[in-house]
Amino acid sequence: MFKTLYPVVLGLSVALAAPAIAQTKAHTAETFASSPGKGEVTRTVRASAIVTAIDKATRTLTLKTADGKTFPLVASADVRNFDQIEVGSEVNVAYHEAIAIELKKGGGRKVERVDSSVSSRSQPGAQPGGMEGRRMTATGDVIALDPATQTATVRGPNRTIELNVPDKKQFQMIKVGDQIQLTYTEGVAVSVEPAAKK
């Protein structure tokens, strides 16, 4: 729906991605979908590295990426089954984020921001791994429209923003009194595969 968000989301992806992803050759998949009154941008980044050294006292792994770069990664006390990680184990990381915008005709919903999160970690005795995710949904009222610039002024729970809507058909659907709902989701999953048997 709002193609101007695409570069913003991509910029956020780079800024928010886990340091391990940022330092390795990663596979990235991006999608953009639009339908009347809706738009969504998603990005998934996958990367892997091999454990080349382990300092059990500090819980620090030295990882080597496919392009030869090495970097340290400290495993917090929350990482269950740390002792199962061996030199040669493969650490896989997947980072996903999505931003969706939806026009809510007629308004009437509560102007609010709702945050939620979810996490899990491996069971005792299983290979180390886990996931963590969060979602933020905000609803705001359309309080003004500027047809000359195709801009909607939206008053949300914490501030008022100017939202550029470059698609003329999408802009024409919006009326003062409607609402815009934005949902931002991000998550990261980490798994460790055992070292290859020799």
Protein backbone atom coordinates (compact mmCIF):
# COMPACT_ATOMS: atom_id res chain seq x y z
CA MET A 1 0.00 0.00 0.00
CA PHE A 2 2.62 2.52 0.99
CA LYS A 3 5.71 1.85 -1.09
CA THR A 4 7.61 4.64 0.66
CA LEU A 5 7.80 2.37 3.71
CA TYR A 6 9.86 -0.20 1.80
CA PRO A 7 13.21 1.66 2.09
CA VAL A 8 12.47 2.49 5.74
CA VAL A 9 11.81 -1.16 6.55
CA LEU A 10 14.95 -2.25 4.72
CA GLY A 11 16.96 0.31 6.66
CA LEU A 12 15.47 -0.95 9.93
CA SER A 13 16.35 -4.50 8.91
CA VAL A 14 20.01 -3.63 8.63
CA ALA A 15 20.00 -1.63 11.85
CA LEU A 16 18.11 -4.21 13.91
CA ALA A 17 19.53 -7.47 12.57
CA ALA A 18 21.59 -9.51 14.98
CA PRO A 19 25.32 -8.71 14.84
CA ALA A 20 26.08 -12.27 13.75
CA ILE A 21 23.92 -11.81 10.68
CA ALA A 22 25.42 -8.45 9.88
CA GLN A 23 28.93 -9.90 9.81
CA THR A 24 28.32 -12.87 7.55
CA LYS A 25 27.32 -13.69 4.01
CA ALA A 26 23.58 -14.11 4.42
CA HIS A 27 20.68 -15.18 2.25
CA THR A 28 17.98 -12.51 2.16
CA ALA A 29 14.42 -12.84 0.89
CA GLU A 30 12.17 -9.77 0.59
CA THR A 31 8.54 -9.50 -0.44
CA PHE A 32 6.08 -6.67 -0.99
CA ALA A 33 2.34 -7.26 -1.23
CA SER A 34 -0.46 -4.80 -1.82
CA SER A 35 -4.23 -5.04 -2.10
CA PRO A 36 -6.97 -2.42 -1.72
CA GLY A 37 -6.51 -0.77 1.67
CA LYS A 38 -3.57 -2.99 2.65
CA GLY A 39 0.17 -3.30 2.19
CA GLU A 40 2.93 -5.46 3.63
CA VAL A 41 6.70 -5.68 3.36
CA THR A 42 8.61 -8.67 4.73
CA ARG A 43 12.26 -9.56 4.97
CA THR A 44 13.94 -12.77 6.09
CA VAL A 45 17.69 -13.09 6.51
CA ARG A 46 19.34 -16.48 7.03
CA ALA A 47 22.98 -17.01 7.92
CA SER A 48 25.20 -19.72 9.33
CA ALA A 49 28.67 -20.02 10.80
CA ILE A 50 30.91 -22.78 12.11
CA VAL A 51 32.18 -22.88 15.71
CA THR A 52 35.99 -22.76 15.57
CA ALA A 53 36.72 -22.29 19.29
CA ILE A 54 34.89 -22.43 22.62
CA ASP A 55 35.80 -20.68 25.88
CA LYS A 56 33.55 -22.45 28.37
CA ALA A 57 34.58 -20.18 31.27
CA THR A 58 33.26 -17.06 29.51
CA ARG A 59 30.68 -18.95 27.38
CA THR A 60 32.24 -17.40 24.27
CA LEU A 61 32.06 -19.09 20.89
CA THR A 62 34.34 -18.07 18.05
CA LEU A 63 32.40 -18.37 14.82
CA LYS A 64 33.68 -18.47 11.23
CA THR A 65 31.44 -17.50 8.34
CA ALA A 66 31.44 -18.92 4.82
CA ASP A 67 33.44 -15.91 3.63
CA GLY A 68 36.19 -16.54 6.22
CA LYS A 69 35.35 -13.83 8.76
CA THR A 70 35.56 -14.76 12.43
CA PHE A 71 33.82 -13.12 15.35
CA PRO A 72 33.05 -13.91 19.00
CA LEU A 73 29.55 -14.63 20.24
CA VAL A 74 28.80 -14.81 23.97
CA ALA A 75 26.07 -17.27 24.93
CA SER A 76 24.11 -15.94 27.90
CA ALA A 77 23.18 -18.14 30.85
CA ASP A 78 19.76 -18.52 29.20
CA VAL A 79 21.30 -20.69 26.47
CA ARG A 80 20.38 -24.16 27.59
CA ASN A 81 22.62 -27.15 26.74
CA PHE A 82 25.69 -24.99 26.07
CA ASP A 83 27.97 -27.94 26.89
CA GLN A 84 26.66 -29.81 23.84
CA ILE A 85 28.21 -27.25 21.46
CA GLU A 86 31.44 -28.53 19.95
CA VAL A 87 34.11 -27.14 17.68
CA GLY A 88 32.75 -27.80 14.19
CA SER A 89 29.08 -27.29 15.19
CA GLU A 90 27.07 -25.14 12.80
CA VAL A 91 25.15 -22.16 14.21
CA ASN A 92 22.15 -21.15 12.07
CA VAL A 93 20.34 -17.84 12.51
CA ALA A 94 17.11 -16.71 10.86
CA TYR A 95 15.86 -13.14 11.32
CA HIS A 96 12.39 -12.18 10.09
CA GLU A 97 10.57 -8.88 10.12
CA ALA A 98 7.36 -7.61 8.60
CA ILE A 99 5.44 -4.38 8.56
CA ALA A 100 1.80 -4.33 7.55
CA ILE A 101 -0.53 -1.36 7.12
CA GLU A 102 -4.28 -1.68 6.89
CA LEU A 103 -7.01 0.90 6.35
CA LYS A 104 -9.88 0.51 8.84
CA LYS A 105 -12.91 2.19 7.25
CA GLY A 106 -15.21 4.21 9.48
CA GLY A 107 -12.95 4.31 12.52
CA GLY A 108 -14.38 3.67 15.97
CA ARG A 109 -11.58 1.46 17.26
CA LYS A 110 -9.51 2.40 20.27
CA VAL A 111 -6.43 4.46 19.42
CA GLU A 112 -3.72 2.41 21.07
CA ARG A 113 -0.44 0.59 20.85
CA VAL A 114 -0.27 -3.06 21.88
CA ASP A 115 3.05 -4.87 22.35
CA SER A 116 3.48 -8.61 22.75
CA SER A 117 6.38 -11.02 22.75
CA VAL A 118 7.05 -14.74 22.61
CA SER A 119 10.15 -16.81 23.25
CA SER A 120 11.20 -20.41 23.58
CA ARG A 121 14.40 -22.32 24.11
CA SER A 122 15.50 -25.88 23.60
CA GLN A 123 14.45 -28.59 26.01
CA PRO A 124 17.02 -30.05 28.41
CA GLY A 125 19.20 -32.54 26.55
CA ALA A 126 18.26 -31.25 23.08
CA GLN A 127 20.57 -29.35 20.76
CA PRO A 128 20.96 -25.69 21.81
CA GLY A 129 18.57 -23.29 20.13
CA GLY A 130 15.58 -21.10 20.59
CA MET A 131 13.53 -18.26 19.23
CA GLU A 132 12.36 -14.86 20.31
CA GLY A 133 9.83 -12.57 18.68
CA ARG A 134 7.85 -9.44 19.28
CA ARG A 135 4.88 -7.70 17.71
CA MET A 136 3.71 -4.11 17.96
CA THR A 137 0.30 -3.06 16.68
CA ALA A 138 -0.72 0.60 16.66
CA THR A 139 -4.03 2.09 15.57
CA GLY A 140 -4.45 5.79 14.74
CA ASP A 141 -7.14 8.14 13.48
CA VAL A 142 -6.95 9.84 10.08
CA ILE A 143 -7.47 13.50 11.01
CA ALA A 144 -6.56 15.24 7.75
CA LEU A 145 -5.86 14.55 4.08
CA ASP A 146 -3.82 16.59 1.60
CA PRO A 147 -4.71 15.51 -1.97
CA ALA A 148 -1.97 17.74 -3.46
CA THR A 149 0.76 15.74 -1.72
CA GLN A 150 -1.26 12.53 -1.22
CA THR A 151 -0.53 12.72 2.50
CA ALA A 152 -2.71 11.45 5.34
CA THR A 153 -2.26 12.92 8.81
CA VAL A 154 -2.67 10.15 11.37
CA ARG A 155 -2.95 10.75 15.12
CA GLY A 156 -1.72 7.68 16.98
CA PRO A 157 -1.48 6.83 20.64
CA ASN A 158 1.84 8.67 21.14
CA ARG A 159 2.24 11.11 18.27
CA THR A 160 0.84 12.45 15.00
CA ILE A 161 2.53 11.50 11.72
CA GLU A 162 2.29 12.47 8.06
CA LEU A 163 1.89 9.34 5.94
CA ASN A 164 2.68 9.65 2.22
CA VAL A 165 0.51 7.39 0.05
CA PRO A 166 2.03 7.43 -3.46
CA ASP A 167 -0.60 5.11 -4.97
CA LYS A 168 -3.46 7.42 -6.05
CA LYS A 169 -6.12 4.67 -5.90
CA GLN A 170 -5.06 3.75 -2.38
CA PHE A 171 -5.07 7.40 -1.31
CA GLN A 172 -8.58 7.94 -2.70
CA MET A 173 -9.89 5.14 -0.46
CA ILE A 174 -8.89 7.03 2.72
CA LYS A 175 -11.35 9.43 4.37
CA VAL A 176 -11.05 11.63 7.47
CA GLY A 177 -12.40 9.55 10.35
CA ASP A 178 -10.99 6.27 9.03
CA GLN A 179 -8.20 4.59 10.91
CA ILE A 180 -4.82 3.19 9.96
CA GLN A 181 -3.51 0.11 11.71
CA LEU A 182 0.20 -0.65 11.59
CA THR A 183 1.64 -3.99 12.70
CA TYR A 184 5.38 -4.52 13.04
CA THR A 185 6.65 -8.05 13.72
CA GLU A 186 10.20 -9.28 14.18
CA GLY A 187 11.73 -12.51 15.32
CA VAL A 188 15.00 -14.38 15.45
CA ALA A 189 15.56 -18.13 15.65
CA VAL A 190 18.88 -19.80 16.41
CA SER A 191 19.71 -23.49 16.09
CA VAL A 192 22.94 -25.41 16.52
CA GLU A 193 23.68 -28.51 14.45
CA PRO A 194 26.23 -30.98 15.80
CA ALA A 195 29.71 -31.12 14.32
CA ALA A 196 30.04 -33.49 11.38
CA LYS A 197 31.30 -36.91 12.43
CA LYS A 198 34.78 -37.75 11.16
